[in-house]
């Protein structure tokens, strides 16, 4: 890890701190998000991101994804991080975020790979298009349509993990129905997929 990383000057200028991953270092599942949210200077556990330096702790998305993992029985077996570790501030509104650029994702990928090597999970649960694109790039693969690959496991031989793309928490209310799931069915499908792949890794 680089505590004072400046690979992305625009991100280094606007961040409060780098948001490294959080969770057990022997986790069986690593949840990868896009980038930290703006957070809150008076942050508690669910208002973190740009201010606390913890991955996936925003009040909305962080709470939702952690609750989902708890509901499927993986709350204590999940490590949470992001594809990009610094808050990508929107130049038009620095309190809001923009999408990370491909260059920013590439610059930050070594940090993510270092986390994956340390944790050595069975499954990477990638939330959204950008997180999925980042993990696939480490395998020399490109994403060919995100929605069609949701909950379709991909074996990543270089990383020695199963990649499972899921909807980003911010968009799941819109897209779950379009994928043909009811919310409970979608959650159950995530749980069944994790159980199968984590169990397979233990065989």
Protein backbone atom coordinates (compact mmCIF):
# COMPACT_ATOMS: atom_id res chain seq x y z
CA UNK A 1 0.00 0.00 0.00
CA UNK A 2 1.07 3.60 -0.58
CA UNK A 3 -0.12 5.82 2.30
CA UNK A 4 0.59 8.98 0.26
CA UNK A 5 -0.23 7.67 -3.23
CA UNK A 6 -0.23 10.42 -5.88
CA UNK A 7 -0.69 8.30 -9.00
CA UNK A 8 -3.85 10.27 -9.82
CA UNK A 9 -3.15 13.99 -9.18
CA UNK A 10 -6.81 15.02 -9.54
CA UNK A 11 -7.87 12.48 -6.91
CA UNK A 12 -5.01 13.29 -4.55
CA UNK A 13 -5.96 16.97 -4.61
CA UNK A 14 -9.61 16.43 -3.60
CA UNK A 15 -9.48 13.47 -1.19
CA UNK A 16 -9.54 13.76 2.57
CA UNK A 17 -7.85 10.38 2.97
CA UNK A 18 -7.35 7.14 1.06
CA UNK A 19 -10.16 4.64 1.64
CA UNK A 20 -8.47 1.27 2.01
CA UNK A 21 -10.45 -1.92 2.46
CA UNK A 22 -11.93 -3.02 5.76
CA UNK A 23 -12.75 -6.47 7.11
CA UNK A 24 -11.08 -9.74 8.10
CA UNK A 25 -7.88 -10.56 6.24
CA UNK A 26 -8.96 -14.20 5.93
CA UNK A 27 -12.34 -13.34 4.38
CA UNK A 28 -13.83 -15.80 1.91
CA UNK A 29 -15.57 -12.98 0.00
CA UNK A 30 -14.14 -9.63 -1.12
CA UNK A 31 -16.77 -7.05 -2.05
CA UNK A 32 -15.43 -4.52 -4.57
CA UNK A 33 -17.20 -1.22 -5.17
CA UNK A 34 -16.51 1.62 -7.58
CA UNK A 35 -14.98 4.35 -5.38
CA UNK A 36 -15.57 5.97 -1.97
CA UNK A 37 -18.54 8.26 -1.46
CA UNK A 38 -18.10 11.83 -0.19
CA UNK A 39 -18.68 10.79 3.39
CA UNK A 40 -19.12 13.10 6.34
CA UNK A 41 -16.56 14.89 8.55
CA UNK A 42 -18.49 13.72 11.62
CA UNK A 43 -18.44 10.16 10.32
CA UNK A 44 -19.59 7.12 12.18
CA UNK A 45 -19.50 3.59 10.80
CA UNK A 46 -22.04 4.24 8.03
CA UNK A 47 -20.94 7.73 6.95
CA UNK A 48 -17.34 7.03 6.10
CA UNK A 49 -15.73 6.91 2.68
CA UNK A 50 -13.72 9.99 1.94
CA UNK A 51 -13.44 11.01 5.61
CA UNK A 52 -12.85 7.78 7.51
CA UNK A 53 -10.65 5.90 5.05
CA UNK A 54 -12.84 2.79 5.11
CA UNK A 55 -14.19 1.10 2.00
CA UNK A 56 -17.96 0.74 1.52
CA UNK A 57 -19.07 2.61 4.63
CA UNK A 58 -21.35 5.21 3.10
CA UNK A 59 -24.74 5.67 4.69
CA UNK A 60 -26.66 4.42 1.63
CA UNK A 61 -24.63 1.92 -0.41
CA UNK A 62 -22.40 0.78 2.42
CA UNK A 63 -25.26 0.03 4.74
CA UNK A 64 -27.23 -1.72 2.02
CA UNK A 65 -24.47 -4.03 0.77
CA UNK A 66 -23.41 -4.94 4.30
CA UNK A 67 -26.99 -5.73 5.23
CA UNK A 68 -27.30 -7.93 2.13
CA UNK A 69 -24.18 -9.90 3.03
CA UNK A 70 -25.46 -10.31 6.59
CA UNK A 71 -28.80 -11.61 5.32
CA UNK A 72 -27.10 -14.31 3.25
CA UNK A 73 -24.80 -15.32 6.11
CA UNK A 74 -21.50 -13.77 5.01
CA UNK A 75 -21.36 -10.68 7.21
CA UNK A 76 -18.35 -11.97 9.17
CA UNK A 77 -16.67 -13.43 6.08
CA UNK A 78 -16.58 -10.34 3.87
CA UNK A 79 -13.86 -7.77 3.22
CA UNK A 80 -15.04 -4.50 1.64
CA UNK A 81 -12.99 -2.34 -0.69
CA UNK A 82 -13.18 -0.26 -3.87
CA UNK A 83 -11.67 -0.38 -7.34
CA UNK A 84 -10.54 3.23 -6.83
CA UNK A 85 -9.44 4.16 -3.31
CA UNK A 86 -9.85 7.95 -3.48
CA UNK A 87 -13.05 9.99 -3.71
CA UNK A 88 -13.52 11.17 -7.34
CA UNK A 89 -14.97 14.63 -6.76
CA UNK A 90 -17.17 16.14 -9.45
CA UNK A 91 -15.51 19.38 -10.62
CA UNK A 92 -18.96 20.98 -10.90
CA UNK A 93 -19.91 19.96 -7.34
CA UNK A 94 -16.99 18.83 -5.15
CA UNK A 95 -19.41 17.41 -2.56
CA UNK A 96 -20.67 14.92 -5.16
CA UNK A 97 -18.81 12.22 -7.04
CA UNK A 98 -18.16 11.48 -10.70
CA UNK A 99 -17.30 8.15 -12.32
CA UNK A 100 -13.63 7.17 -12.07
CA UNK A 101 -11.77 7.38 -15.37
CA UNK A 102 -10.21 4.30 -17.01
CA UNK A 103 -6.78 5.74 -16.20
CA UNK A 104 -7.71 6.12 -12.53
CA UNK A 105 -8.96 2.54 -12.40
CA UNK A 106 -5.73 1.33 -14.02
CA UNK A 107 -3.57 3.40 -11.64
CA UNK A 108 -5.37 1.97 -8.61
CA UNK A 109 -5.55 -1.63 -9.80
CA UNK A 110 -2.21 -2.63 -8.20
CA UNK A 111 -3.64 -1.62 -4.81
CA UNK A 112 -6.68 -3.84 -5.36
CA UNK A 113 -4.51 -6.73 -6.53
CA UNK A 114 -2.38 -6.36 -3.42
CA UNK A 115 -5.52 -6.61 -1.27
CA UNK A 116 -6.70 -9.70 -3.13
CA UNK A 117 -3.30 -11.35 -2.73
CA UNK A 118 -3.34 -10.62 1.01
CA UNK A 119 -6.92 -11.72 1.68
CA UNK A 120 -6.91 -14.60 -0.83
CA UNK A 121 -10.72 -14.92 -1.07
CA UNK A 122 -12.70 -17.62 -2.83
CA UNK A 123 -15.04 -15.07 -4.43
CA UNK A 124 -14.86 -11.45 -5.54
CA UNK A 125 -18.32 -9.90 -5.47
CA UNK A 126 -18.03 -6.94 -7.86
CA UNK A 127 -20.77 -4.36 -7.39
CA UNK A 128 -21.45 -2.62 -10.65
CA UNK A 129 -19.85 -2.06 -14.04
CA UNK A 130 -16.68 -0.26 -12.95
CA UNK A 131 -15.74 -2.78 -10.28
CA UNK A 132 -16.37 -5.67 -12.68
CA UNK A 133 -14.34 -4.00 -15.43
CA UNK A 134 -11.41 -3.51 -13.05
CA UNK A 135 -11.28 -7.15 -11.94
CA UNK A 136 -11.63 -8.46 -15.50
CA UNK A 137 -8.81 -6.17 -16.66
CA UNK A 138 -6.49 -7.92 -14.22
CA UNK A 139 -7.26 -11.09 -16.20
CA UNK A 140 -6.71 -9.37 -19.54
CA UNK A 141 -10.44 -9.56 -20.25
CA UNK A 142 -12.97 -6.93 -21.26
CA UNK A 143 -16.53 -6.51 -20.05
CA UNK A 144 -19.06 -7.31 -22.76
CA UNK A 145 -22.34 -5.90 -21.46
CA UNK A 146 -22.66 -5.62 -17.70
CA UNK A 147 -26.35 -6.42 -17.12
CA UNK A 148 -26.11 -9.72 -18.99
CA UNK A 149 -23.29 -10.91 -16.73
CA UNK A 150 -24.96 -10.18 -13.36
CA UNK A 151 -24.78 -13.29 -11.15
CA UNK A 152 -22.89 -15.19 -13.87
CA UNK A 153 -19.68 -16.46 -12.20
CA UNK A 154 -16.43 -16.02 -14.10
CA UNK A 155 -13.36 -18.04 -13.19
CA UNK A 156 -10.30 -15.77 -12.95
CA UNK A 157 -7.29 -18.05 -13.24
CA UNK A 158 -4.64 -15.37 -12.75
CA UNK A 159 -6.27 -14.11 -9.54
CA UNK A 160 -7.35 -17.64 -8.52
CA UNK A 161 -10.85 -16.45 -7.59
CA UNK A 162 -14.42 -16.60 -8.81
CA UNK A 163 -15.74 -13.22 -9.98
CA UNK A 164 -19.45 -12.67 -9.41
CA UNK A 165 -20.82 -9.38 -10.77
CA UNK A 166 -23.87 -7.99 -8.96
CA UNK A 167 -25.82 -4.76 -9.25
CA UNK A 168 -24.43 -1.72 -7.47
CA UNK A 169 -26.63 -1.03 -4.42
CA UNK A 170 -27.52 2.41 -5.79
CA UNK A 171 -29.08 0.89 -8.91
CA UNK A 172 -30.53 -2.40 -7.74
CA UNK A 173 -34.04 -1.07 -7.11
CA UNK A 174 -34.25 -0.09 -10.78
CA UNK A 175 -32.61 -3.16 -12.28
CA UNK A 176 -33.68 -6.13 -10.15
CA UNK A 177 -37.09 -6.26 -11.81
CA UNK A 178 -35.59 -5.85 -15.26
CA UNK A 179 -33.43 -8.90 -14.59
CA UNK A 180 -36.58 -10.87 -13.80
CA UNK A 181 -36.09 -11.09 -10.02
CA UNK A 182 -38.16 -10.09 -7.06
CA UNK A 183 -35.92 -8.51 -4.35
CA UNK A 184 -36.06 -11.63 -2.16
CA UNK A 185 -35.26 -13.85 -5.13
CA UNK A 186 -32.27 -11.70 -6.08
CA UNK A 187 -30.91 -11.84 -2.53
CA UNK A 188 -31.42 -15.59 -2.41
CA UNK A 189 -29.60 -15.99 -5.73
CA UNK A 190 -26.60 -14.10 -4.34
CA UNK A 191 -26.58 -16.33 -1.27
CA UNK A 192 -26.86 -19.54 -3.31
CA UNK A 193 -24.07 -18.43 -5.65
CA UNK A 194 -21.73 -17.58 -2.78
CA UNK A 195 -22.51 -20.85 -1.00
CA UNK A 196 -21.81 -22.86 -4.13
CA UNK A 197 -18.57 -21.09 -5.01
CA UNK A 198 -17.17 -20.83 -1.50
CA UNK A 199 -18.04 -24.47 -0.93
CA UNK A 200 -16.44 -25.41 -4.22
CA UNK A 201 -13.26 -23.60 -3.20
CA UNK A 202 -13.09 -25.68 0.00
CA UNK A 203 -13.35 -29.02 -1.81
